[in-house]
Amino acid sequence: MLFKQNCSLFRKLLAQKCLMMPGAYNGMVSRQCADNGFEALYISGAAVTASSGVPDIGMVTLDGFCKTIKDVALASGLPILADADTGFGEGEMCSKTVWEYFIHGASGLHIEDQVFPKRCGHLDGKELIPSDVMEKKIQIAKNASIQCSGGDFVICARTDARGTHGLDECIKRSKAYIDAGADMIFPEGLHTKEEMAVVAKELKSKNPNIYLLANMTEFGKTPYISLKEFQQMGYNCVIYPVSTLRIASKAIDEFLKQLKKDESQVNSVQNMQTRKELYSTLGYTPGKEWYFPNSKKQQ
């Protein structure tokens, strides 16, 4: 089964190099990512919610996330790490979330230690659940991964402790989450390159095999750092969670302003994806049969 194979492939890729994982918030974007040579994708809660017209405060349900995961998985055929916010509930729901994400095509997920309703990790005013409550969630999620995938489905624990309690608490919680069974740690909202390096050194010293995720979101707390620098620090993947949505939304807004002004799209046609380019992305040739899902991996 493709989804099970992608879990193993995801782990293999993480062990080989520092993966660039752009955000894919729908099937079309995931096809474009695959076309441009990316080997794994990230599904951002912020992008999924924004594309639904609501803020990132837990408004989209588990079913809503799973629809996006399925669309992205089938269109691209690539391994996917998907945002699961706070797990959509307590321990029982964390187990269900792992199963549902796996069934719909994700190769892993991350859950965070914020109080629900959560907020973007790069905003102030966050609150955290107790560490032992988060550890229990991780244990439950890990057991679900073993049950559904033989343990290949990646369980990533995100901690927002840097923004609420400081770097020492971020490291302390991360180590506790490793002990609880997390395969990957996502230290959110670090402020400097030096902090990123310190966290990586501390966590790799505890467990050299732990996967580390770096978040390169725009307009946040973390400065822009290159993939090469992250790899040198010991990170296994870098996500660009909302970049594709920001680019698309800005382009759409500029087009709509131009359309309103000119009362014609003629001055914007040069900025559009052509019909030929669209069909190429979809793997579609008019007059020829097109078999679902015709993912990029199949072509």
Protein backbone atom coordinates (compact mmCIF):
# COMPACT_ATOMS: atom_id res chain seq x y z
CA MET A 1 0.00 0.00 0.00
CA LEU A 2 1.37 3.41 -1.05
CA PHE A 3 0.65 5.16 2.24
CA LYS A 4 2.46 2.53 4.31
CA GLN A 5 5.41 2.59 1.90
CA ASN A 6 5.57 6.37 2.17
CA CYS A 7 5.93 6.16 5.95
CA SER A 8 9.06 4.04 5.49
CA LEU A 9 10.28 6.29 2.68
CA PHE A 10 9.80 9.37 4.85
CA ARG A 11 12.00 7.91 7.58
CA LYS A 12 14.62 6.92 5.00
CA LEU A 13 14.73 10.44 3.57
CA LEU A 14 14.96 12.03 7.03
CA ALA A 15 17.97 9.85 7.80
CA GLN A 16 19.73 10.73 4.56
CA LYS A 17 19.61 14.53 4.49
CA CYS A 18 17.88 17.67 5.67
CA LEU A 19 14.59 17.62 3.76
CA MET A 20 12.97 20.75 2.37
CA MET A 21 9.21 20.39 2.89
CA PRO A 22 7.05 23.13 1.34
CA GLY A 23 3.50 23.59 2.50
CA ALA A 24 0.84 22.01 0.27
CA TYR A 25 -2.65 23.09 1.25
CA ASN A 26 -4.47 21.41 -1.65
CA GLY A 27 -3.93 18.80 -4.34
CA MET A 28 -2.94 21.27 -7.05
CA VAL A 29 -0.16 22.79 -4.96
CA SER A 30 1.07 19.29 -4.09
CA ARG A 31 1.36 18.46 -7.80
CA GLN A 32 3.38 21.63 -8.35
CA CYS A 33 5.68 20.72 -5.47
CA ALA A 34 6.28 17.29 -6.97
CA ASP A 35 6.87 18.84 -10.41
CA ASN A 36 9.60 20.98 -8.90
CA GLY A 37 11.48 18.09 -7.37
CA PHE A 38 10.44 18.18 -3.71
CA GLU A 39 10.47 14.73 -2.12
CA ALA A 40 8.15 15.29 0.85
CA LEU A 41 5.42 17.75 1.80
CA TYR A 42 4.04 19.52 4.84
CA ILE A 43 0.39 20.31 5.51
CA SER A 44 0.05 23.38 7.71
CA GLY A 45 -2.89 23.98 9.99
CA ALA A 46 -2.49 27.71 9.39
CA ALA A 47 -2.71 27.22 5.62
CA VAL A 48 -5.59 24.73 5.75
CA THR A 49 -7.62 27.04 7.98
CA ALA A 50 -6.79 30.20 6.02
CA SER A 51 -7.75 28.50 2.76
CA SER A 52 -11.09 27.77 4.44
CA GLY A 53 -11.45 31.46 5.29
CA VAL A 54 -10.92 31.15 9.06
CA PRO A 55 -7.97 31.86 11.41
CA ASP A 56 -5.65 29.26 12.93
CA ILE A 57 -7.51 28.82 16.23
CA GLY A 58 -8.80 25.26 15.88
CA MET A 59 -11.82 26.05 13.70
CA VAL A 60 -11.26 23.23 11.16
CA THR A 61 -12.18 19.75 12.38
CA LEU A 62 -10.38 16.42 12.05
CA ASP A 63 -12.56 15.56 9.04
CA GLY A 64 -11.58 18.82 7.35
CA PHE A 65 -7.88 18.14 7.79
CA CYS A 66 -8.27 14.56 6.58
CA LYS A 67 -9.90 15.71 3.33
CA THR A 68 -6.90 17.93 2.60
CA ILE A 69 -4.48 15.13 3.50
CA LYS A 70 -6.23 12.74 1.11
CA ASP A 71 -6.23 15.27 -1.73
CA VAL A 72 -2.54 16.06 -1.26
CA ALA A 73 -1.52 12.42 -0.83
CA LEU A 74 -3.36 11.15 -3.90
CA ALA A 75 -2.35 14.06 -6.13
CA SER A 76 1.35 14.00 -5.28
CA GLY A 77 2.08 10.45 -4.15
CA LEU A 78 4.70 11.91 -1.78
CA PRO A 79 5.30 11.43 1.96
CA ILE A 80 3.45 14.01 4.07
CA LEU A 81 3.94 15.38 7.56
CA ALA A 82 0.66 16.94 8.67
CA ASP A 83 -0.17 19.42 11.41
CA ALA A 84 -2.63 17.98 13.93
CA ASP A 85 -2.84 21.02 16.24
CA THR A 86 -3.45 19.72 19.79
CA GLY A 87 -4.59 16.30 18.57
CA PHE A 88 -8.25 17.37 18.25
CA GLY A 89 -8.89 16.47 21.88
CA GLU A 90 -7.47 14.44 24.73
CA GLY A 91 -5.71 11.09 24.57
CA GLU A 92 -8.57 9.14 23.03
CA MET A 93 -8.78 11.59 20.15
CA CYS A 94 -5.01 11.53 19.63
CA SER A 95 -5.28 7.82 18.91
CA LYS A 96 -8.12 8.38 16.45
CA THR A 97 -6.21 11.24 14.82
CA VAL A 98 -3.18 9.04 14.13
CA TRP A 99 -5.37 6.37 12.56
CA GLU A 100 -7.34 8.85 10.46
CA TYR A 101 -4.24 10.69 9.26
CA PHE A 102 -2.56 7.42 8.30
CA ILE A 103 -5.63 6.08 6.51
CA HIS A 104 -5.97 9.31 4.54
CA GLY A 105 -2.34 9.32 3.40
CA ALA A 106 -0.10 11.11 5.92
CA SER A 107 3.30 9.66 6.81
CA GLY A 108 3.43 11.44 10.14
CA LEU A 109 1.88 14.19 12.24
CA HIS A 110 2.79 16.65 14.91
CA ILE A 111 0.82 17.54 18.00
CA GLU A 112 1.59 20.53 20.21
CA ASP A 113 1.55 21.25 23.92
CA GLN A 114 -0.68 24.31 23.78
CA VAL A 115 -3.99 24.74 25.57
CA PHE A 116 -6.99 24.60 23.23
CA PRO A 117 -8.01 26.83 21.52
CA LYS A 118 -4.46 27.11 20.26
CA ARG A 119 -2.89 29.92 18.29
CA CYS A 120 -0.04 30.33 15.83
CA GLY A 121 3.27 29.38 17.40
CA HIS A 122 4.81 32.73 16.49
CA LEU A 123 2.20 34.80 18.33
CA ASP A 124 2.37 35.91 21.95
CA GLY A 125 -0.17 34.98 24.62
CA LYS A 126 0.04 31.20 24.29
CA GLU A 127 -0.66 28.84 27.19
CA LEU A 128 0.68 25.31 27.64
CA ILE A 129 -0.77 22.14 29.07
CA PRO A 130 1.30 20.39 31.78
CA SER A 131 4.24 18.41 30.44
CA ASP A 132 2.95 15.11 31.84
CA VAL A 133 -0.38 15.56 30.01
CA MET A 134 1.48 16.07 26.74
CA GLU A 135 3.69 13.08 27.46
CA LYS A 136 0.59 10.92 27.85
CA LYS A 137 -0.73 12.15 24.50
CA ILE A 138 2.57 11.23 22.86
CA GLN A 139 2.50 7.74 24.39
CA ILE A 140 -1.03 7.19 23.10
CA ALA A 141 -0.13 8.52 19.64
CA LYS A 142 2.94 6.29 19.50
CA ASN A 143 0.90 3.22 20.40
CA ALA A 144 -1.57 4.10 17.65
CA SER A 145 1.32 4.40 15.19
CA ILE A 146 2.50 0.92 16.13
CA GLN A 147 -1.01 -0.46 15.66
CA CYS A 148 -1.72 1.16 12.29
CA SER A 149 1.70 1.18 10.65
CA GLY A 150 4.01 -1.05 12.65
CA GLY A 151 5.50 2.12 14.12
CA ASP A 152 6.60 3.65 10.80
CA PHE A 153 4.11 6.55 10.99
CA VAL A 154 6.15 9.41 12.49
CA ILE A 155 5.01 10.99 15.76
CA CYS A 156 6.38 14.51 16.09
CA ALA A 157 6.00 16.47 19.32
CA ARG A 158 5.92 20.25 19.04
CA THR A 159 6.65 22.38 22.06
CA ASP A 160 5.80 26.07 22.29
CA ALA A 161 7.63 26.44 25.61
CA ARG A 162 10.24 28.88 24.25
CA GLY A 163 7.62 31.59 23.96
CA THR A 164 5.98 30.97 27.34
CA HIS A 165 8.73 29.77 29.70
CA GLY A 166 12.06 30.23 27.91
CA LEU A 167 14.68 28.10 26.20
CA ASP A 168 15.52 25.89 29.17
CA GLU A 169 11.90 24.76 29.48
CA CYS A 170 11.78 24.15 25.72
CA ILE A 171 14.77 21.80 26.03
CA LYS A 172 13.43 20.16 29.20
CA ARG A 173 10.05 19.44 27.65
CA SER A 174 11.61 18.22 24.40
CA LYS A 175 13.70 15.68 26.30
CA ALA A 176 10.64 14.51 28.22
CA TYR A 177 8.75 14.10 24.94
CA ILE A 178 11.59 12.00 23.56
CA ASP A 179 11.33 9.77 26.62
CA ALA A 180 7.59 9.52 26.04
CA GLY A 181 8.18 8.03 22.59
CA ALA A 182 8.27 10.93 20.12
CA ASP A 183 10.14 10.17 16.89
CA MET A 184 10.65 13.84 16.06
CA ILE A 185 10.82 17.12 17.98
CA PHE A 186 9.54 20.45 16.66
CA PRO A 187 10.87 23.30 18.85
CA GLU A 188 8.58 26.15 17.84
CA GLY A 189 9.24 29.88 17.91
CA LEU A 190 12.99 29.93 18.62
CA HIS A 191 14.41 33.43 18.33
CA THR A 192 17.94 33.07 16.95
CA LYS A 193 20.22 30.81 14.96
CA GLU A 194 22.15 30.23 18.18
CA GLU A 195 19.02 28.97 19.94
CA MET A 196 18.32 26.59 17.06
CA ALA A 197 21.87 25.24 17.37
CA VAL A 198 21.72 24.86 21.16
CA VAL A 199 18.43 22.94 21.03
CA ALA A 200 19.76 20.63 18.32
CA LYS A 201 22.94 19.91 20.27
CA GLU A 202 21.05 19.18 23.49
CA LEU A 203 18.51 16.87 21.86
CA LYS A 204 20.94 15.02 19.62
CA SER A 205 23.14 14.46 22.69
CA LYS A 206 20.20 12.81 24.41
CA ASN A 207 19.22 10.70 21.40
CA PRO A 208 21.33 10.85 18.21
CA ASN A 209 18.50 9.20 16.27
CA ILE A 210 15.81 11.73 17.13
CA TYR A 211 14.51 13.62 14.11
CA LEU A 212 14.51 17.41 14.43
CA LEU A 213 12.19 19.78 12.55
CA ALA A 214 12.85 23.47 11.91
CA ASN A 215 10.09 25.91 10.99
CA MET A 216 10.94 28.58 8.42
CA THR A 217 7.68 30.48 8.47
CA GLU A 218 7.70 34.10 7.34
CA PHE A 219 7.01 37.14 9.54
CA GLY A 220 7.61 35.14 12.73
CA LYS A 221 10.01 34.92 15.65
CA THR A 222 12.75 32.92 13.87
CA PRO A 223 15.22 34.62 11.49
CA TYR A 224 15.69 33.25 7.98
CA ILE A 225 18.22 30.43 8.02
CA SER A 226 19.43 28.40 5.04
CA LEU A 227 18.87 24.70 4.53
CA LYS A 228 22.63 24.13 4.60
CA GLU A 229 22.91 25.82 7.99
CA PHE A 230 20.10 23.72 9.42
CA GLN A 231 21.74 20.56 8.12
CA GLN A 232 25.02 21.54 9.76
CA MET A 233 23.18 22.03 13.07
CA GLY A 234 21.70 18.53 12.84
CA TYR A 235 18.13 19.20 11.74
CA ASN A 236 16.47 16.54 9.59
CA CYS A 237 13.82 18.65 7.88
CA VAL A 238 12.76 22.24 7.32
CA ILE A 239 9.15 23.20 6.70
CA TYR A 240 7.96 26.24 4.76
CA PRO A 241 4.39 25.97 6.02
CA VAL A 242 2.48 28.94 4.63
CA SER A 243 4.84 30.16 1.89
CA THR A 244 2.84 28.76 -1.03
CA LEU A 245 -0.42 30.17 0.36
CA ARG A 246 1.12 33.60 0.92
CA ILE A 247 2.50 33.70 -2.63
CA ALA A 248 -0.81 32.58 -4.16
CA SER A 249 -2.95 34.90 -2.03
CA LYS A 250 -0.79 37.92 -2.83
CA ALA A 251 -0.92 37.15 -6.56
CA ILE A 252 -4.71 36.73 -6.46
CA ASP A 253 -5.15 40.01 -4.58
CA GLU A 254 -2.98 41.90 -7.05
CA PHE A 255 -4.90 40.39 -9.98
CA LEU A 256 -8.27 41.31 -8.51
CA LYS A 257 -7.15 44.91 -7.97
CA GLN A 258 -5.98 45.05 -11.59
CA LEU A 259 -9.21 43.49 -12.85
CA LYS A 260 -11.32 45.96 -10.91
CA LYS A 261 -9.28 48.87 -12.26
CA ASP A 262 -9.02 47.77 -15.91
CA GLU A 263 -12.39 45.98 -16.21
CA SER A 264 -10.49 43.35 -18.21
CA GLN A 265 -7.91 40.66 -17.39
CA VAL A 266 -5.83 41.37 -20.50
CA ASN A 267 -2.98 43.09 -18.61
CA SER A 268 -2.63 40.12 -16.25
CA VAL A 269 -2.65 37.25 -18.73
CA GLN A 270 1.17 37.19 -18.87
CA ASN A 271 1.19 36.33 -15.14
CA MET A 272 -1.22 33.41 -15.48
CA GLN A 273 -0.55 29.70 -15.73
CA THR A 274 -1.48 28.79 -19.30
CA ARG A 275 -4.02 26.13 -20.18
CA LYS A 276 -1.17 23.93 -21.42
CA GLU A 277 0.74 24.39 -18.17
CA LEU A 278 -2.36 23.63 -16.12
CA TYR A 279 -3.04 20.42 -18.01
CA SER A 280 0.62 19.43 -17.71
CA THR A 281 0.47 19.85 -13.92
CA LEU A 282 -2.67 17.71 -13.82
CA GLY A 283 -1.12 15.09 -16.10
CA TYR A 284 -4.04 15.54 -18.47
CA THR A 285 -4.12 15.38 -22.25
CA PRO A 286 -7.47 16.34 -23.80
CA GLY A 287 -8.97 13.41 -25.69
CA LYS A 288 -7.04 10.81 -23.69
CA GLU A 289 -8.45 8.87 -20.75
CA TRP A 290 -7.33 10.13 -17.33
CA TYR A 291 -7.37 7.59 -14.53
CA PHE A 292 -7.70 8.68 -10.91
CA PRO A 293 -5.60 9.55 -9.01
CA ASN A 294 -2.82 9.81 -11.62
CA SER A 295 -0.50 11.08 -8.93
CA LYS A 296 2.83 12.59 -9.82
CA LYS A 297 4.50 9.47 -8.47
CA GLN A 298 2.58 7.38 -11.02
CA GLN A 299 3.55 9.52 -14.01
